[in-house]
Amino acid sequence: MQLLLSLQKDYESKIIEADFQIKLFTTNALAVAGHSNHAEVLDKWIKIKAENTEKLKEILTYLPKPDKPKKDGK
């Protein structure tokens, strides 16, 4: 179980990093200026986000579902 949770956190962190890089690259002219092949760099981060999103979806099927709170709060 710990190994699955560790992988979950790893995938989540990679998704967050990729999302940050994509947003930075698409909104910050200085970030773009440092790269000669803009499409290649953007594609790299989109690929990282997509791959880890799929991995996360898969690993979540093996983890127990969190208990939902009852409507009356008990």
PDB file of N, CA and C in Angstrom:
ATOM      1  N   MET A   1       0.820  -1.195   0.000  1.00  0.00           N
ATOM      2  CA  MET A   1       0.000   0.000   0.000  1.00  0.00           C
ATOM      3  C   MET A   1       0.867   1.263   0.000  1.00  0.00           C
ATOM      4  N   GLN A   2       1.932   1.267   0.795  1.00  0.00           N
ATOM      5  CA  GLN A   2       2.821   2.428   0.857  1.00  0.00           C
ATOM      6  C   GLN A   2       3.465   2.711  -0.500  1.00  0.00           C
ATOM      7  N   LEU A   3       3.819   1.667  -1.209  1.00  0.00           N
ATOM      8  CA  LEU A   3       4.422   1.849  -2.525  1.00  0.00           C
ATOM      9  C   LEU A   3       3.433   2.511  -3.488  1.00  0.00           C
ATOM     10  N   LEU A   4       2.184   2.098  -3.437  1.00  0.00           N
ATOM     11  CA  LEU A   4       1.157   2.703  -4.280  1.00  0.00           C
ATOM     12  C   LEU A   4       0.955   4.174  -3.927  1.00  0.00           C
ATOM     13  N   LEU A   5       0.932   4.479  -2.645  1.00  0.00           N
ATOM     14  CA  LEU A   5       0.784   5.871  -2.217  1.00  0.00           C
ATOM     15  C   LEU A   5       1.978   6.715  -2.635  1.00  0.00           C
ATOM     16  N   SER A   6       3.162   6.127  -2.568  1.00  0.00           N
ATOM     17  CA  SER A   6       4.370   6.824  -3.001  1.00  0.00           C
ATOM     18  C   SER A   6       4.309   7.149  -4.496  1.00  0.00           C
ATOM     19  N   LEU A   7       3.879   6.177  -5.278  1.00  0.00           N
ATOM     20  CA  LEU A   7       3.737   6.414  -6.720  1.00  0.00           C
ATOM     21  C   LEU A   7       2.675   7.471  -6.994  1.00  0.00           C
ATOM     22  N   GLN A   8       1.590   7.423  -6.241  1.00  0.00           N
ATOM     23  CA  GLN A   8       0.535   8.422  -6.411  1.00  0.00           C
ATOM     24  C   GLN A   8       1.098   9.824  -6.217  1.00  0.00           C
ATOM     25  N   LYS A   9       1.839  10.023  -5.142  1.00  0.00           N
ATOM     26  CA  LYS A   9       2.425  11.341  -4.858  1.00  0.00           C
ATOM     27  C   LYS A   9       3.433  11.752  -5.931  1.00  0.00           C
ATOM     28  N   ASP A  10       4.199  10.792  -6.422  1.00  0.00           N
ATOM     29  CA  ASP A  10       5.173  11.066  -7.472  1.00  0.00           C
ATOM     30  C   ASP A  10       4.469  11.551  -8.741  1.00  0.00           C
ATOM     31  N   TYR A  11       3.417  10.843  -9.144  1.00  0.00           N
ATOM     32  CA  TYR A  11       2.665  11.241 -10.338  1.00  0.00           C
ATOM     33  C   TYR A  11       2.018  12.607 -10.145  1.00  0.00           C
ATOM     34  N   GLU A  12       1.449  12.830  -8.972  1.00  0.00           N
ATOM     35  CA  GLU A  12       0.807  14.120  -8.705  1.00  0.00           C
ATOM     36  C   GLU A  12       1.817  15.269  -8.778  1.00  0.00           C
ATOM     37  N   SER A  13       3.004  15.055  -8.245  1.00  0.00           N
ATOM     38  CA  SER A  13       4.010  16.125  -8.272  1.00  0.00           C
ATOM     39  C   SER A  13       4.477  16.405  -9.697  1.00  0.00           C
ATOM     40  N   LYS A  14       4.598  15.379 -10.507  1.00  0.00           N
ATOM     41  CA  LYS A  14       5.001  15.577 -11.903  1.00  0.00           C
ATOM     42  C   LYS A  14       3.918  16.312 -12.689  1.00  0.00           C
ATOM     43  N   ILE A  15       2.656  16.028 -12.384  1.00  0.00           N
ATOM     44  CA  ILE A  15       1.552  16.730 -13.042  1.00  0.00           C
ATOM     45  C   ILE A  15       1.574  18.208 -12.667  1.00  0.00           C
ATOM     46  N   ILE A  16       1.785  18.489 -11.384  1.00  0.00           N
ATOM     47  CA  ILE A  16       1.840  19.882 -10.925  1.00  0.00           C
ATOM     48  C   ILE A  16       3.007  20.617 -11.574  1.00  0.00           C
ATOM     49  N   GLU A  17       4.163  19.963 -11.627  1.00  0.00           N
ATOM     50  CA  GLU A  17       5.332  20.598 -12.253  1.00  0.00           C
ATOM     51  C   GLU A  17       5.090  20.867 -13.731  1.00  0.00           C
ATOM     52  N   ALA A  18       4.539  19.892 -14.426  1.00  0.00           N
ATOM     53  CA  ALA A  18       4.277  20.064 -15.858  1.00  0.00           C
ATOM     54  C   ALA A  18       3.254  21.167 -16.090  1.00  0.00           C
ATOM     55  N   ASP A  19       2.210  21.205 -15.285  1.00  0.00           N
ATOM     56  CA  ASP A  19       1.191  22.235 -15.415  1.00  0.00           C
ATOM     57  C   ASP A  19       1.798  23.619 -15.210  1.00  0.00           C
ATOM     58  N   PHE A  20       2.656  23.738 -14.207  1.00  0.00           N
ATOM     59  CA  PHE A  20       3.342  24.999 -13.957  1.00  0.00           C
ATOM     60  C   PHE A  20       4.191  25.407 -15.158  1.00  0.00           C
ATOM     61  N   GLN A  21       4.961  24.457 -15.684  1.00  0.00           N
ATOM     62  CA  GLN A  21       5.846  24.756 -16.817  1.00  0.00           C
ATOM     63  C   GLN A  21       5.040  25.159 -18.063  1.00  0.00           C
ATOM     64  N   ILE A  22       3.932  24.475 -18.307  1.00  0.00           N
ATOM     65  CA  ILE A  22       3.086  24.802 -19.459  1.00  0.00           C
ATOM     66  C   ILE A  22       2.534  26.217 -19.308  1.00  0.00           C
ATOM     67  N   LYS A  23       2.011  26.527 -18.124  1.00  0.00           N
ATOM     68  CA  LYS A  23       1.460  27.868 -17.891  1.00  0.00           C
ATOM     69  C   LYS A  23       2.547  28.929 -17.975  1.00  0.00           C
ATOM     70  N   LEU A  24       3.701  28.649 -17.396  1.00  0.00           N
ATOM     71  CA  LEU A  24       4.817  29.590 -17.450  1.00  0.00           C
ATOM     72  C   LEU A  24       5.245  29.832 -18.894  1.00  0.00           C
ATOM     73  N   PHE A  25       5.383  28.753 -19.636  1.00  0.00           N
ATOM     74  CA  PHE A  25       5.862  28.839 -21.012  1.00  0.00           C
ATOM     75  C   PHE A  25       4.874  29.568 -21.919  1.00  0.00           C
ATOM     76  N   THR A  26       3.586  29.439 -21.629  1.00  0.00           N
ATOM     77  CA  THR A  26       2.579  30.064 -22.491  1.00  0.00           C
ATOM     78  C   THR A  26       2.200  31.476 -22.054  1.00  0.00           C
ATOM     79  N   THR A  27       2.667  31.917 -20.892  1.00  0.00           N
ATOM     80  CA  THR A  27       2.298  33.255 -20.421  1.00  0.00           C
ATOM     81  C   THR A  27       3.486  34.165 -20.145  1.00  0.00           C
ATOM     82  N   ASN A  28       4.701  33.637 -20.199  1.00  0.00           N
ATOM     83  CA  ASN A  28       5.870  34.415 -19.816  1.00  0.00           C
ATOM     84  C   ASN A  28       6.846  34.505 -20.987  1.00  0.00           C
ATOM     85  N   ALA A  29       6.986  35.685 -21.530  1.00  0.00           N
ATOM     86  CA  ALA A  29       7.870  35.889 -22.681  1.00  0.00           C
ATOM     87  C   ALA A  29       9.323  35.548 -22.363  1.00  0.00           C
ATOM     88  N   LEU A  30       9.763  35.765 -21.136  1.00  0.00           N
ATOM     89  CA  LEU A  30      11.143  35.448 -20.767  1.00  0.00           C
ATOM     90  C   LEU A  30      11.392  33.944 -20.784  1.00  0.00           C
ATOM     91  N   ALA A  31      10.406  33.166 -20.400  1.00  0.00           N
ATOM     92  CA  ALA A  31      10.558  31.709 -20.428  1.00  0.00           C
ATOM     93  C   ALA A  31      10.686  31.220 -21.863  1.00  0.00           C
ATOM     94  N   VAL A  32       9.937  31.822 -22.761  1.00  0.00           N
ATOM     95  CA  VAL A  32       9.980  31.443 -24.171  1.00  0.00           C
ATOM     96  C   VAL A  32      11.298  31.850 -24.805  1.00  0.00           C
ATOM     97  N   ALA A  33      11.820  32.996 -24.414  1.00  0.00           N
ATOM     98  CA  ALA A  33      13.047  33.521 -25.019  1.00  0.00           C
ATOM     99  C   ALA A  33      14.240  32.598 -24.789  1.00  0.00           C
ATOM    100  N   GLY A  34      14.213  31.807 -23.752  1.00  0.00           N
ATOM    101  CA  GLY A  34      15.341  30.938 -23.443  1.00  0.00           C
ATOM    102  C   GLY A  34      15.376  29.651 -24.240  1.00  0.00           C
ATOM    103  N   HIS A  35      14.400  29.425 -25.106  1.00  0.00           N
ATOM    104  CA  HIS A  35      14.333  28.181 -25.870  1.00  0.00           C
ATOM    105  C   HIS A  35      14.242  28.475 -27.358  1.00  0.00           C
ATOM    106  N   SER A  36      14.972  27.713 -28.141  1.00  0.00           N
ATOM    107  CA  SER A  36      14.962  27.933 -29.581  1.00  0.00           C
ATOM    108  C   SER A  36      13.810  27.202 -30.267  1.00  0.00           C
ATOM    109  N   ASN A  37      13.403  26.068 -29.729  1.00  0.00           N
ATOM    110  CA  ASN A  37      12.317  25.314 -30.333  1.00  0.00           C
ATOM    111  C   ASN A  37      11.132  25.286 -29.366  1.00  0.00           C
ATOM    112  N   HIS A  38      10.289  26.290 -29.484  1.00  0.00           N
ATOM    113  CA  HIS A  38       9.184  26.473 -28.551  1.00  0.00           C
ATOM    114  C   HIS A  38       8.212  25.293 -28.558  1.00  0.00           C
ATOM    115  N   ALA A  39       7.847  24.846 -29.735  1.00  0.00           N
ATOM    116  CA  ALA A  39       6.874  23.748 -29.843  1.00  0.00           C
ATOM    117  C   ALA A  39       7.427  22.472 -29.219  1.00  0.00           C
ATOM    118  N   GLU A  40       8.697  22.203 -29.390  1.00  0.00           N
ATOM    119  CA  GLU A  40       9.310  20.994 -28.832  1.00  0.00           C
ATOM    120  C   GLU A  40       9.288  21.004 -27.303  1.00  0.00           C
ATOM    121  N   VAL A  41       9.620  22.140 -26.722  1.00  0.00           N
ATOM    122  CA  VAL A  41       9.640  22.254 -25.263  1.00  0.00           C
ATOM    123  C   VAL A  41       8.222  22.148 -24.703  1.00  0.00           C
ATOM    124  N   LEU A  42       7.276  22.832 -25.319  1.00  0.00           N
ATOM    125  CA  LEU A  42       5.888  22.769 -24.872  1.00  0.00           C
ATOM    126  C   LEU A  42       5.345  21.349 -25.013  1.00  0.00           C
ATOM    127  N   ASP A  43       5.662  20.694 -26.106  1.00  0.00           N
ATOM    128  CA  ASP A  43       5.230  19.308 -26.323  1.00  0.00           C
ATOM    129  C   ASP A  43       5.805  18.384 -25.251  1.00  0.00           C
ATOM    130  N   LYS A  44       7.045  18.622 -24.858  1.00  0.00           N
ATOM    131  CA  LYS A  44       7.680  17.808 -23.810  1.00  0.00           C
ATOM    132  C   LYS A  44       6.868  17.863 -22.522  1.00  0.00           C
ATOM    133  N   TRP A  45       6.478  19.077 -22.101  1.00  0.00           N
ATOM    134  CA  TRP A  45       5.739  19.225 -20.843  1.00  0.00           C
ATOM    135  C   TRP A  45       4.314  18.695 -20.959  1.00  0.00           C
ATOM    136  N   ILE A  46       3.698  18.867 -22.113  1.00  0.00           N
ATOM    137  CA  ILE A  46       2.358  18.314 -22.316  1.00  0.00           C
ATOM    138  C   ILE A  46       2.408  16.794 -22.259  1.00  0.00           C
ATOM    139  N   LYS A  47       3.438  16.209 -22.831  1.00  0.00           N
ATOM    140  CA  LYS A  47       3.599  14.757 -22.800  1.00  0.00           C
ATOM    141  C   LYS A  47       3.797  14.263 -21.364  1.00  0.00           C
ATOM    142  N   ILE A  48       4.620  14.954 -20.590  1.00  0.00           N
ATOM    143  CA  ILE A  48       4.857  14.580 -19.189  1.00  0.00           C
ATOM    144  C   ILE A  48       3.553  14.649 -18.405  1.00  0.00           C
ATOM    145  N   LYS A  49       2.783  15.706 -18.608  1.00  0.00           N
ATOM    146  CA  LYS A  49       1.513  15.843 -17.885  1.00  0.00           C
ATOM    147  C   LYS A  49       0.545  14.740 -18.289  1.00  0.00           C
ATOM    148  N   ALA A  50       0.420  14.481 -19.576  1.00  0.00           N
ATOM    149  CA  ALA A  50      -0.517  13.457 -20.056  1.00  0.00           C
ATOM    150  C   ALA A  50      -0.134  12.067 -19.559  1.00  0.00           C
ATOM    151  N   GLU A  51       1.136  11.729 -19.633  1.00  0.00           N
ATOM    152  CA  GLU A  51       1.591  10.397 -19.195  1.00  0.00           C
ATOM    153  C   GLU A  51       1.339  10.182 -17.704  1.00  0.00           C
ATOM    154  N   ASN A  52       1.648  11.190 -16.913  1.00  0.00           N
ATOM    155  CA  ASN A  52       1.477  11.037 -15.472  1.00  0.00           C
ATOM    156  C   ASN A  52       0.011  11.106 -15.049  1.00  0.00           C
ATOM    157  N   THR A  53      -0.808  11.822 -15.801  1.00  0.00           N
ATOM    158  CA  THR A  53      -2.245  11.829 -15.531  1.00  0.00           C
ATOM    159  C   THR A  53      -2.817  10.435 -15.763  1.00  0.00           C
ATOM    160  N   GLU A  54      -2.411   9.788 -16.837  1.00  0.00           N
ATOM    161  CA  GLU A  54      -2.883   8.430 -17.119  1.00  0.00           C
ATOM    162  C   GLU A  54      -2.381   7.441 -16.070  1.00  0.00           C
ATOM    163  N   LYS A  55      -1.136   7.575 -15.676  1.00  0.00           N
ATOM    164  CA  LYS A  55      -0.584   6.700 -14.635  1.00  0.00           C
ATOM    165  C   LYS A  55      -1.343   6.887 -13.323  1.00  0.00           C
ATOM    166  N   LEU A  56      -1.638   8.134 -12.986  1.00  0.00           N
ATOM    167  CA  LEU A  56      -2.364   8.421 -11.750  1.00  0.00           C
ATOM    168  C   LEU A  56      -3.762   7.799 -11.788  1.00  0.00           C
ATOM    169  N   LYS A  57      -4.453   7.948 -12.903  1.00  0.00           N
ATOM    170  CA  LYS A  57      -5.776   7.338 -13.038  1.00  0.00           C
ATOM    171  C   LYS A  57      -5.704   5.835 -12.829  1.00  0.00           C
ATOM    172  N   GLU A  58      -4.704   5.218 -13.387  1.00  0.00           N
ATOM    173  CA  GLU A  58      -4.550   3.766 -13.266  1.00  0.00           C
ATOM    174  C   GLU A  58      -4.251   3.352 -11.829  1.00  0.00           C
ATOM    175  N   ILE A  59      -3.334   4.028 -11.192  1.00  0.00           N
ATOM    176  CA  ILE A  59      -2.954   3.622  -9.842  1.00  0.00           C
ATOM    177  C   ILE A  59      -4.097   3.847  -8.852  1.00  0.00           C
ATOM    178  N   LEU A  60      -4.927   4.844  -9.091  1.00  0.00           N
ATOM    179  CA  LEU A  60      -6.057   5.097  -8.197  1.00  0.00           C
ATOM    180  C   LEU A  60      -7.058   3.948  -8.197  1.00  0.00           C
ATOM    181  N   THR A  61      -7.065   3.147  -9.251  1.00  0.00           N
ATOM    182  CA  THR A  61      -7.975   1.996  -9.284  1.00  0.00           C
ATOM    183  C   THR A  61      -7.554   0.925  -8.282  1.00  0.00           C
ATOM    184  N   TYR A  62      -6.315   0.953  -7.849  1.00  0.00           N
ATOM    185  CA  TYR A  62      -5.795  -0.033  -6.898  1.00  0.00           C
ATOM    186  C   TYR A  62      -5.867   0.436  -5.449  1.00  0.00           C
ATOM    187  N   LEU A  63      -6.141   1.711  -5.248  1.00  0.00           N
ATOM    188  CA  LEU A  63      -6.200   2.257  -3.896  1.00  0.00           C
ATOM    189  C   LEU A  63      -7.640   2.252  -3.395  1.00  0.00           C
ATOM    190  N   PRO A  64      -7.832   2.057  -2.088  1.00  0.00           N
ATOM    191  CA  PRO A  64      -9.192   2.078  -1.554  1.00  0.00           C
ATOM    192  C   PRO A  64      -9.819   3.461  -1.717  1.00  0.00           C
ATOM    193  N   LYS A  65     -11.106   3.473  -1.952  1.00  0.00           N
ATOM    194  CA  LYS A  65     -11.829   4.736  -2.090  1.00  0.00           C
ATOM    195  C   LYS A  65     -11.989   5.374  -0.713  1.00  0.00           C
ATOM    196  N   PRO A  66     -11.808   6.699  -0.632  1.00  0.00           N
ATOM    197  CA  PRO A  66     -11.998   7.359   0.671  1.00  0.00           C
ATOM    198  C   PRO A  66     -13.467   7.282   1.086  1.00  0.00           C
ATOM    199  N   ASP A  67     -13.687   7.176   2.390  1.00  0.00           N
ATOM    200  CA  ASP A  67     -15.056   7.148   2.899  1.00  0.00           C
ATOM    201  C   ASP A  67     -15.720   8.499   2.665  1.00  0.00           C
ATOM    202  N   LYS A  68     -16.956   8.442   2.184  1.00  0.00           N
ATOM    203  CA  LYS A  68     -17.715   9.674   1.981  1.00  0.00           C
ATOM    204  C   LYS A  68     -18.441  10.019   3.276  1.00  0.00           C
ATOM    205  N   PRO A  69     -18.410  11.286   3.680  1.00  0.00           N
ATOM    206  CA  PRO A  69     -19.144  11.662   4.889  1.00  0.00           C
ATOM    207  C   PRO A  69     -20.652  11.541   4.648  1.00  0.00           C
ATOM    208  N   LYS A  70     -21.362  11.146   5.665  1.00  0.00           N
ATOM    209  CA  LYS A  70     -22.807  11.029   5.553  1.00  0.00           C
ATOM    210  C   LYS A  70     -23.429  12.405   5.500  1.00  0.00           C
ATOM    211  N   LYS A  71     -24.608  12.500   4.884  1.00  0.00           N
ATOM    212  CA  LYS A  71     -25.250  13.800   4.706  1.00  0.00           C
ATOM    213  C   LYS A  71     -25.582  14.500   6.016  1.00  0.00           C
ATOM    214  N   ASP A  72     -25.827  13.748   7.071  1.00  0.00           N
ATOM    215  CA  ASP A  72     -26.143  14.358   8.357  1.00  0.00           C
ATOM    216  C   ASP A  72     -24.887  14.695   9.154  1.00  0.00           C
ATOM    217  N   GLY A  73     -23.726  14.520   8.534  1.00  0.00           N
ATOM    218  CA  GLY A  73     -22.458  14.871   9.168  1.00  0.00           C
ATOM    219  C   GLY A  73     -21.901  13.831  10.103  1.00  0.00           C
ATOM    220  N   LYS A  74     -22.532  12.664  10.169  1.00  0.00           N
ATOM    221  CA  LYS A  74     -22.070  11.605  11.069  1.00  0.00           C
ATOM    222  C   LYS A  74     -21.425  10.493  10.313  1.00  0.00           C
TER     223      LYS A  74
END
